[in-house]
Amino acid sequence: MICTTVRNGDECVFMSNSGCKYNGGECKPIVEKCEGCQRIVENANGKFCTAAPDPSIKWKNGICNLATHAKVVVEVKKQKLNPIKASKRK
């Protein structure tokens, strides 16, 4: 349904005929870590995420899984090889 609270005019899954069903009755504005994401929508009431009604919860345990600007860095640890065993493998 179309939001009639803070994101007026945007499509929202939490909207119903009786109003916003999200905890607190409205979406929360984005947090600083969200800056640069492609899911941000700006309107007269501020900047809001189109995917998450409370972006601070998504960033609580690390990187937001919906963030388009943040990449997960995977460290590759180089193993030490024993030269004697490596020569036997050849």
PDB file of N, CA and C in Angstrom:
ATOM      1  N   MET A   1       0.838  -1.179   0.000  1.00  0.00           N
ATOM      2  CA  MET A   1       0.000   0.000   0.000  1.00  0.00           C
ATOM      3  C   MET A   1       0.882   1.241   0.000  1.00  0.00           C
ATOM      4  N   ILE A   2       0.271   2.349  -0.285  1.00  0.00           N
ATOM      5  CA  ILE A   2       0.973   3.628  -0.305  1.00  0.00           C
ATOM      6  C   ILE A   2       1.051   4.183   1.117  1.00  0.00           C
ATOM      7  N   CYS A   3       2.266   4.615   1.507  1.00  0.00           N
ATOM      8  CA  CYS A   3       2.498   5.145   2.851  1.00  0.00           C
ATOM      9  C   CYS A   3       1.810   6.502   3.008  1.00  0.00           C
ATOM     10  N   THR A   4       1.223   6.702   4.167  1.00  0.00           N
ATOM     11  CA  THR A   4       0.576   7.991   4.457  1.00  0.00           C
ATOM     12  C   THR A   4       1.192   8.655   5.683  1.00  0.00           C
ATOM     13  N   THR A   5       2.314   8.103   6.193  1.00  0.00           N
ATOM     14  CA  THR A   5       2.955   8.693   7.371  1.00  0.00           C
ATOM     15  C   THR A   5       4.190   9.484   6.935  1.00  0.00           C
ATOM     16  N   VAL A   6       5.381   9.079   7.304  1.00  0.00           N
ATOM     17  CA  VAL A   6       6.591   9.850   7.016  1.00  0.00           C
ATOM     18  C   VAL A   6       7.075   9.728   5.577  1.00  0.00           C
ATOM     19  N   ARG A   7       6.863   8.594   4.930  1.00  0.00           N
ATOM     20  CA  ARG A   7       7.256   8.399   3.524  1.00  0.00           C
ATOM     21  C   ARG A   7       6.035   8.549   2.635  1.00  0.00           C
ATOM     22  N   ASN A   8       5.359   9.626   2.753  1.00  0.00           N
ATOM     23  CA  ASN A   8       4.094   9.870   2.073  1.00  0.00           C
ATOM     24  C   ASN A   8       4.225   9.696   0.553  1.00  0.00           C
ATOM     25  N   GLY A   9       3.431   8.783  -0.005  1.00  0.00           N
ATOM     26  CA  GLY A   9       3.414   8.549  -1.439  1.00  0.00           C
ATOM     27  C   GLY A   9       4.257   7.372  -1.893  1.00  0.00           C
ATOM     28  N   ASP A  10       5.112   6.823  -1.038  1.00  0.00           N
ATOM     29  CA  ASP A  10       5.953   5.680  -1.393  1.00  0.00           C
ATOM     30  C   ASP A  10       5.245   4.375  -1.068  1.00  0.00           C
ATOM     31  N   GLU A  11       5.607   3.331  -1.807  1.00  0.00           N
ATOM     32  CA  GLU A  11       5.066   1.992  -1.549  1.00  0.00           C
ATOM     33  C   GLU A  11       5.676   1.453  -0.259  1.00  0.00           C
ATOM     34  N   CYS A  12       4.845   0.869   0.612  1.00  0.00           N
ATOM     35  CA  CYS A  12       5.317   0.368   1.896  1.00  0.00           C
ATOM     36  C   CYS A  12       4.580  -0.931   2.234  1.00  0.00           C
ATOM     37  N   VAL A  13       5.341  -1.946   2.683  1.00  0.00           N
ATOM     38  CA  VAL A  13       4.732  -3.227   3.033  1.00  0.00           C
ATOM     39  C   VAL A  13       4.069  -3.190   4.404  1.00  0.00           C
ATOM     40  N   PHE A  14       4.402  -2.207   5.235  1.00  0.00           N
ATOM     41  CA  PHE A  14       3.846  -2.124   6.580  1.00  0.00           C
ATOM     42  C   PHE A  14       2.541  -1.317   6.644  1.00  0.00           C
ATOM     43  N   MET A  15       2.166  -0.680   5.546  1.00  0.00           N
ATOM     44  CA  MET A  15       0.945   0.121   5.542  1.00  0.00           C
ATOM     45  C   MET A  15      -0.282  -0.776   5.396  1.00  0.00           C
ATOM     46  N   SER A  16      -1.329  -0.426   6.100  1.00  0.00           N
ATOM     47  CA  SER A  16      -2.604  -1.119   5.972  1.00  0.00           C
ATOM     48  C   SER A  16      -3.698  -0.059   5.973  1.00  0.00           C
ATOM     49  N   ASN A  17      -4.936  -0.505   5.862  1.00  0.00           N
ATOM     50  CA  ASN A  17      -6.052   0.447   5.860  1.00  0.00           C
ATOM     51  C   ASN A  17      -6.167   1.193   7.189  1.00  0.00           C
ATOM     52  N   SER A  18      -5.713   0.551   8.270  1.00  0.00           N
ATOM     53  CA  SER A  18      -5.808   1.177   9.588  1.00  0.00           C
ATOM     54  C   SER A  18      -4.566   1.992   9.949  1.00  0.00           C
ATOM     55  N   GLY A  19      -3.577   2.069   9.072  1.00  0.00           N
ATOM     56  CA  GLY A  19      -2.364   2.839   9.333  1.00  0.00           C
ATOM     57  C   GLY A  19      -1.119   1.970   9.290  1.00  0.00           C
ATOM     58  N   CYS A  20      -0.018   2.533   9.727  1.00  0.00           N
ATOM     59  CA  CYS A  20       1.266   1.829   9.703  1.00  0.00           C
ATOM     60  C   CYS A  20       1.305   0.754  10.786  1.00  0.00           C
ATOM     61  N   LYS A  21       1.685  -0.469  10.382  1.00  0.00           N
ATOM     62  CA  LYS A  21       1.741  -1.591  11.314  1.00  0.00           C
ATOM     63  C   LYS A  21       3.126  -1.762  11.924  1.00  0.00           C
ATOM     64  N   TYR A  22       4.124  -0.967  11.496  1.00  0.00           N
ATOM     65  CA  TYR A  22       5.476  -1.118  12.030  1.00  0.00           C
ATOM     66  C   TYR A  22       5.524  -0.627  13.473  1.00  0.00           C
ATOM     67  N   ASN A  23       6.451  -1.174  14.241  1.00  0.00           N
ATOM     68  CA  ASN A  23       6.628  -0.822  15.645  1.00  0.00           C
ATOM     69  C   ASN A  23       6.856   0.690  15.791  1.00  0.00           C
ATOM     70  N   GLY A  24       5.963   1.369  16.469  1.00  0.00           N
ATOM     71  CA  GLY A  24       6.051   2.812  16.626  1.00  0.00           C
ATOM     72  C   GLY A  24       5.182   3.566  15.638  1.00  0.00           C
ATOM     73  N   GLY A  25       4.679   2.899  14.643  1.00  0.00           N
ATOM     74  CA  GLY A  25       3.754   3.516  13.705  1.00  0.00           C
ATOM     75  C   GLY A  25       4.377   4.320  12.584  1.00  0.00           C
ATOM     76  N   GLU A  26       5.709   4.316  12.453  1.00  0.00           N
ATOM     77  CA  GLU A  26       6.341   5.015  11.338  1.00  0.00           C
ATOM     78  C   GLU A  26       7.758   4.509  11.122  1.00  0.00           C
ATOM     79  N   CYS A  27       8.284   4.738   9.914  1.00  0.00           N
ATOM     80  CA  CYS A  27       9.649   4.338   9.582  1.00  0.00           C
ATOM     81  C   CYS A  27      10.636   5.295  10.234  1.00  0.00           C
ATOM     82  N   LYS A  28      11.825   4.772  10.528  1.00  0.00           N
ATOM     83  CA  LYS A  28      12.877   5.579  11.141  1.00  0.00           C
ATOM     84  C   LYS A  28      13.799   6.114  10.046  1.00  0.00           C
ATOM     85  N   PRO A  29      14.391   7.307  10.244  1.00  0.00           N
ATOM     86  CA  PRO A  29      15.330   7.839   9.244  1.00  0.00           C
ATOM     87  C   PRO A  29      16.616   7.012   9.198  1.00  0.00           C
ATOM     88  N   ILE A  30      17.376   7.192   8.131  1.00  0.00           N
ATOM     89  CA  ILE A  30      18.612   6.422   7.953  1.00  0.00           C
ATOM     90  C   ILE A  30      19.661   6.857   8.971  1.00  0.00           C
ATOM     91  N   VAL A  31      20.651   5.996   9.178  1.00  0.00           N
ATOM     92  CA  VAL A  31      21.780   6.302  10.048  1.00  0.00           C
ATOM     93  C   VAL A  31      22.957   6.730   9.171  1.00  0.00           C
ATOM     94  N   GLU A  32      24.019   7.208   9.789  1.00  0.00           N
ATOM     95  CA  GLU A  32      25.174   7.730   9.062  1.00  0.00           C
ATOM     96  C   GLU A  32      25.823   6.674   8.168  1.00  0.00           C
ATOM     97  N   LYS A  33      25.814   5.428   8.602  1.00  0.00           N
ATOM     98  CA  LYS A  33      26.434   4.349   7.832  1.00  0.00           C
ATOM     99  C   LYS A  33      25.698   4.073   6.526  1.00  0.00           C
ATOM    100  N   CYS A  34      24.460   4.502   6.418  1.00  0.00           N
ATOM    101  CA  CYS A  34      23.658   4.261   5.220  1.00  0.00           C
ATOM    102  C   CYS A  34      23.984   5.218   4.071  1.00  0.00           C
ATOM    103  N   GLU A  35      24.691   6.309   4.357  1.00  0.00           N
ATOM    104  CA  GLU A  35      24.989   7.295   3.317  1.00  0.00           C
ATOM    105  C   GLU A  35      25.719   6.639   2.152  1.00  0.00           C
ATOM    106  N   GLY A  36      25.241   6.866   0.945  1.00  0.00           N
ATOM    107  CA  GLY A  36      25.839   6.298  -0.253  1.00  0.00           C
ATOM    108  C   GLY A  36      25.094   5.100  -0.796  1.00  0.00           C
ATOM    109  N   CYS A  37      24.142   4.582  -0.057  1.00  0.00           N
ATOM    110  CA  CYS A  37      23.372   3.424  -0.495  1.00  0.00           C
ATOM    111  C   CYS A  37      22.365   3.840  -1.569  1.00  0.00           C
ATOM    112  N   GLN A  38      22.091   2.952  -2.498  1.00  0.00           N
ATOM    113  CA  GLN A  38      21.148   3.242  -3.573  1.00  0.00           C
ATOM    114  C   GLN A  38      19.699   3.051  -3.153  1.00  0.00           C
ATOM    115  N   ARG A  39      19.458   2.521  -1.966  1.00  0.00           N
ATOM    116  CA  ARG A  39      18.101   2.285  -1.490  1.00  0.00           C
ATOM    117  C   ARG A  39      17.528   3.469  -0.711  1.00  0.00           C
ATOM    118  N   ILE A  40      18.257   4.564  -0.636  1.00  0.00           N
ATOM    119  CA  ILE A  40      17.810   5.739   0.113  1.00  0.00           C
ATOM    120  C   ILE A  40      16.835   6.551  -0.725  1.00  0.00           C
ATOM    121  N   VAL A  41      15.745   6.965  -0.075  1.00  0.00           N
ATOM    122  CA  VAL A  41      14.759   7.841  -0.697  1.00  0.00           C
ATOM    123  C   VAL A  41      14.678   9.099   0.159  1.00  0.00           C
ATOM    124  N   GLU A  42      14.766  10.247  -0.494  1.00  0.00           N
ATOM    125  CA  GLU A  42      14.699  11.506   0.242  1.00  0.00           C
ATOM    126  C   GLU A  42      13.362  12.185  -0.055  1.00  0.00           C
ATOM    127  N   ASN A  43      12.709  12.622   1.014  1.00  0.00           N
ATOM    128  CA  ASN A  43      11.465  13.376   0.854  1.00  0.00           C
ATOM    129  C   ASN A  43      11.461  14.536   1.841  1.00  0.00           C
ATOM    130  N   ALA A  44      10.346  15.184   2.010  1.00  0.00           N
ATOM    131  CA  ALA A  44      10.267  16.372   2.858  1.00  0.00           C
ATOM    132  C   ALA A  44      10.566  16.072   4.326  1.00  0.00           C
ATOM    133  N   ASN A  45      10.312  14.843   4.778  1.00  0.00           N
ATOM    134  CA  ASN A  45      10.529  14.484   6.180  1.00  0.00           C
ATOM    135  C   ASN A  45      11.943  13.997   6.471  1.00  0.00           C
ATOM    136  N   GLY A  46      12.779  13.824   5.456  1.00  0.00           N
ATOM    137  CA  GLY A  46      14.152  13.359   5.647  1.00  0.00           C
ATOM    138  C   GLY A  46      14.506  12.248   4.681  1.00  0.00           C
ATOM    139  N   LYS A  47      15.552  11.492   5.022  1.00  0.00           N
ATOM    140  CA  LYS A  47      16.018  10.381   4.193  1.00  0.00           C
ATOM    141  C   LYS A  47      15.604   9.069   4.850  1.00  0.00           C
ATOM    142  N   PHE A  48      15.058   8.167   4.022  1.00  0.00           N
ATOM    143  CA  PHE A  48      14.566   6.891   4.519  1.00  0.00           C
ATOM    144  C   PHE A  48      15.031   5.769   3.610  1.00  0.00           C
ATOM    145  N   CYS A  49      15.142   4.557   4.187  1.00  0.00           N
ATOM    146  CA  CYS A  49      15.519   3.365   3.434  1.00  0.00           C
ATOM    147  C   CYS A  49      14.255   2.735   2.851  1.00  0.00           C
ATOM    148  N   THR A  50      14.329   2.325   1.585  1.00  0.00           N
ATOM    149  CA  THR A  50      13.169   1.701   0.955  1.00  0.00           C
ATOM    150  C   THR A  50      13.034   0.235   1.339  1.00  0.00           C
ATOM    151  N   ALA A  51      14.106  -0.369   1.867  1.00  0.00           N
ATOM    152  CA  ALA A  51      14.089  -1.796   2.171  1.00  0.00           C
ATOM    153  C   ALA A  51      13.885  -2.108   3.650  1.00  0.00           C
ATOM    154  N   ALA A  52      14.315  -1.209   4.534  1.00  0.00           N
ATOM    155  CA  ALA A  52      14.233  -1.480   5.969  1.00  0.00           C
ATOM    156  C   ALA A  52      13.567  -0.311   6.694  1.00  0.00           C
ATOM    157  N   PRO A  53      12.561  -0.578   7.511  1.00  0.00           N
ATOM    158  CA  PRO A  53      11.888   0.509   8.216  1.00  0.00           C
ATOM    159  C   PRO A  53      12.726   1.117   9.338  1.00  0.00           C
ATOM    160  N   ASP A  54      13.674   0.359   9.900  1.00  0.00           N
ATOM    161  CA  ASP A  54      14.573   0.875  10.935  1.00  0.00           C
ATOM    162  C   ASP A  54      16.004   0.470  10.581  1.00  0.00           C
ATOM    163  N   PRO A  55      16.722   1.308   9.817  1.00  0.00           N
ATOM    164  CA  PRO A  55      18.067   0.948   9.356  1.00  0.00           C
ATOM    165  C   PRO A  55      19.083   0.730  10.466  1.00  0.00           C
ATOM    166  N   SER A  56      18.900   1.333  11.620  1.00  0.00           N
ATOM    167  CA  SER A  56      19.877   1.162  12.700  1.00  0.00           C
ATOM    168  C   SER A  56      19.942  -0.292  13.167  1.00  0.00           C
ATOM    169  N   ILE A  57      18.837  -1.002  13.087  1.00  0.00           N
ATOM    170  CA  ILE A  57      18.824  -2.417  13.465  1.00  0.00           C
ATOM    171  C   ILE A  57      19.633  -3.251  12.466  1.00  0.00           C
ATOM    172  N   LYS A  58      19.593  -2.898  11.190  1.00  0.00           N
ATOM    173  CA  LYS A  58      20.337  -3.639  10.174  1.00  0.00           C
ATOM    174  C   LYS A  58      21.847  -3.504  10.356  1.00  0.00           C
ATOM    175  N   TRP A  59      22.307  -2.374  10.910  1.00  0.00           N
ATOM    176  CA  TRP A  59      23.729  -2.127  11.113  1.00  0.00           C
ATOM    177  C   TRP A  59      24.191  -2.562  12.499  1.00  0.00           C
ATOM    178  N   LYS A  60      23.316  -3.079  13.314  1.00  0.00           N
ATOM    179  CA  LYS A  60      23.627  -3.421  14.696  1.00  0.00           C
ATOM    180  C   LYS A  60      24.734  -4.471  14.810  1.00  0.00           C
ATOM    181  N   ASN A  61      24.706  -5.490  13.984  1.00  0.00           N
ATOM    182  CA  ASN A  61      25.658  -6.601  14.083  1.00  0.00           C
ATOM    183  C   ASN A  61      26.713  -6.585  12.983  1.00  0.00           C
ATOM    184  N   GLY A  62      27.020  -5.425  12.439  1.00  0.00           N
ATOM    185  CA  GLY A  62      28.024  -5.331  11.378  1.00  0.00           C
ATOM    186  C   GLY A  62      27.444  -4.664  10.156  1.00  0.00           C
ATOM    187  N   ILE A  63      27.826  -5.145   8.988  1.00  0.00           N
ATOM    188  CA  ILE A  63      27.382  -4.544   7.730  1.00  0.00           C
ATOM    189  C   ILE A  63      25.944  -4.946   7.433  1.00  0.00           C
ATOM    190  N   CYS A  64      25.171  -3.983   6.985  1.00  0.00           N
ATOM    191  CA  CYS A  64      23.774  -4.223   6.595  1.00  0.00           C
ATOM    192  C   CYS A  64      23.759  -5.158   5.381  1.00  0.00           C
ATOM    193  N   ASN A  65      22.938  -6.179   5.424  1.00  0.00           N
ATOM    194  CA  ASN A  65      22.885  -7.135   4.309  1.00  0.00           C
ATOM    195  C   ASN A  65      22.199  -6.557   3.079  1.00  0.00           C
ATOM    196  N   LEU A  66      21.550  -5.421   3.205  1.00  0.00           N
ATOM    197  CA  LEU A  66      20.880  -4.793   2.072  1.00  0.00           C
ATOM    198  C   LEU A  66      21.666  -3.614   1.499  1.00  0.00           C
ATOM    199  N   ALA A  67      22.790  -3.271   2.097  1.00  0.00           N
ATOM    200  CA  ALA A  67      23.579  -2.112   1.662  1.00  0.00           C
ATOM    201  C   ALA A  67      24.187  -2.357   0.285  1.00  0.00           C
ATOM    202  N   THR A  68      24.027  -1.379  -0.595  1.00  0.00           N
ATOM    203  CA  THR A  68      24.580  -1.506  -1.939  1.00  0.00           C
ATOM    204  C   THR A  68      25.960  -0.874  -2.032  1.00  0.00           C
ATOM    205  N   HIS A  69      26.362  -0.119  -1.036  1.00  0.00           N
ATOM    206  CA  HIS A  69      27.645   0.585  -1.078  1.00  0.00           C
ATOM    207  C   HIS A  69      28.727  -0.083  -0.228  1.00  0.00           C
ATOM    208  N   ALA A  70      28.366  -1.022   0.622  1.00  0.00           N
ATOM    209  CA  ALA A  70      29.323  -1.682   1.511  1.00  0.00           C
ATOM    210  C   ALA A  70      29.625  -3.080   0.989  1.00  0.00           C
ATOM    211  N   LYS A  71      30.888  -3.402   0.963  1.00  0.00           N
ATOM    212  CA  LYS A  71      31.314  -4.719   0.496  1.00  0.00           C
ATOM    213  C   LYS A  71      31.925  -5.492   1.654  1.00  0.00           C
ATOM    214  N   VAL A  72      31.676  -6.778   1.696  1.00  0.00           N
ATOM    215  CA  VAL A  72      32.248  -7.650   2.710  1.00  0.00           C
ATOM    216  C   VAL A  72      33.656  -8.017   2.264  1.00  0.00           C
ATOM    217  N   VAL A  73      34.631  -7.748   3.129  1.00  0.00           N
ATOM    218  CA  VAL A  73      36.022  -8.053   2.815  1.00  0.00           C
ATOM    219  C   VAL A  73      36.367  -9.412   3.429  1.00  0.00           C
ATOM    220  N   VAL A  74      36.788 -10.314   2.583  1.00  0.00           N
ATOM    221  CA  VAL A  74      37.163 -11.650   3.022  1.00  0.00           C
ATOM    222  C   VAL A  74      38.686 -11.735   3.010  1.00  0.00           C
ATOM    223  N   GLU A  75      39.249 -12.025   4.180  1.00  0.00           N
ATOM    224  CA  GLU A  75      40.698 -12.147   4.265  1.00  0.00           C
ATOM    225  C   GLU A  75      41.119 -13.566   3.908  1.00  0.00           C
ATOM    226  N   VAL A  76      42.098 -13.667   3.039  1.00  0.00           N
ATOM    227  CA  VAL A  76      42.646 -14.962   2.653  1.00  0.00           C
ATOM    228  C   VAL A  76      43.988 -15.090   3.339  1.00  0.00           C
ATOM    229  N   LYS A  77      44.076 -16.042   4.221  1.00  0.00           N
ATOM    230  CA  LYS A  77      45.301 -16.246   4.980  1.00  0.00           C
ATOM    231  C   LYS A  77      46.179 -17.238   4.221  1.00  0.00           C
ATOM    232  N   LYS A  78      47.391 -16.807   3.941  1.00  0.00           N
ATOM    233  CA  LYS A  78      48.315 -17.674   3.212  1.00  0.00           C
ATOM    234  C   LYS A  78      48.950 -18.643   4.200  1.00  0.00           C
ATOM    235  N   GLN A  79      48.868 -19.925   3.882  1.00  0.00           N
ATOM    236  CA  GLN A  79      49.419 -20.953   4.749  1.00  0.00           C
ATOM    237  C   GLN A  79      50.918 -21.125   4.481  1.00  0.00           C
ATOM    238  N   LYS A  80      51.591 -21.413   5.543  1.00  0.00           N
ATOM    239  CA  LYS A  80      53.012 -21.730   5.420  1.00  0.00           C
ATOM    240  C   LYS A  80      53.148 -23.189   5.017  1.00  0.00           C
ATOM    241  N   LEU A  81      53.954 -23.434   4.009  1.00  0.00           N
ATOM    242  CA  LEU A  81      54.190 -24.805   3.567  1.00  0.00           C
ATOM    243  C   LEU A  81      55.516 -25.308   4.094  1.00  0.00           C
ATOM    244  N   ASN A  82      55.504 -26.523   4.498  1.00  0.00           N
ATOM    245  CA  ASN A  82      56.743 -27.178   4.922  1.00  0.00           C
ATOM    246  C   ASN A  82      57.490 -27.554   3.653  1.00  0.00           C
ATOM    247  N   PRO A  83      58.718 -27.051   3.471  1.00  0.00           N
ATOM    248  CA  PRO A  83      59.453 -27.309   2.216  1.00  0.00           C
ATOM    249  C   PRO A  83      59.734 -28.792   1.958  1.00  0.00           C
ATOM    250  N   ILE A  84      59.898 -29.574   2.996  1.00  0.00           N
ATOM    251  CA  ILE A  84      60.175 -31.006   2.821  1.00  0.00           C
ATOM    252  C   ILE A  84      58.919 -31.709   2.279  1.00  0.00           C
ATOM    253  N   LYS A  85      57.770 -31.406   2.863  1.00  0.00           N
ATOM    254  CA  LYS A  85      56.533 -32.023   2.373  1.00  0.00           C
ATOM    255  C   LYS A  85      56.163 -31.528   0.988  1.00  0.00           C
ATOM    256  N   ALA A  86      56.469 -30.270   0.680  1.00  0.00           N
ATOM    257  CA  ALA A  86      56.164 -29.727  -0.640  1.00  0.00           C
ATOM    258  C   ALA A  86      57.003 -30.403  -1.713  1.00  0.00           C
ATOM    259  N   SER A  87      58.242 -30.722  -1.406  1.00  0.00           N
ATOM    260  CA  SER A  87      59.096 -31.397  -2.388  1.00  0.00           C
ATOM    261  C   SER A  87      58.632 -32.826  -2.638  1.00  0.00           C
ATOM    262  N   LYS A  88      58.047 -33.450  -1.638  1.00  0.00           N
ATOM    263  CA  LYS A  88      57.544 -34.820  -1.791  1.00  0.00           C
ATOM    264  C   LYS A  88      56.263 -34.850  -2.618  1.00  0.00           C
ATOM    265  N   ARG A  89      55.493 -33.779  -2.606  1.00  0.00           N
ATOM    266  CA  ARG A  89      54.247 -33.727  -3.373  1.00  0.00           C
ATOM    267  C   ARG A  89      54.493 -33.648  -4.866  1.00  0.00           C
ATOM    268  N   LYS A  90      55.588 -33.084  -5.237  1.00  0.00           N
ATOM    269  CA  LYS A  90      55.889 -32.936  -6.651  1.00  0.00           C
ATOM    270  C   LYS A  90      56.199 -34.256  -7.231  1.00  0.00           C
TER     271      LYS A  90
END
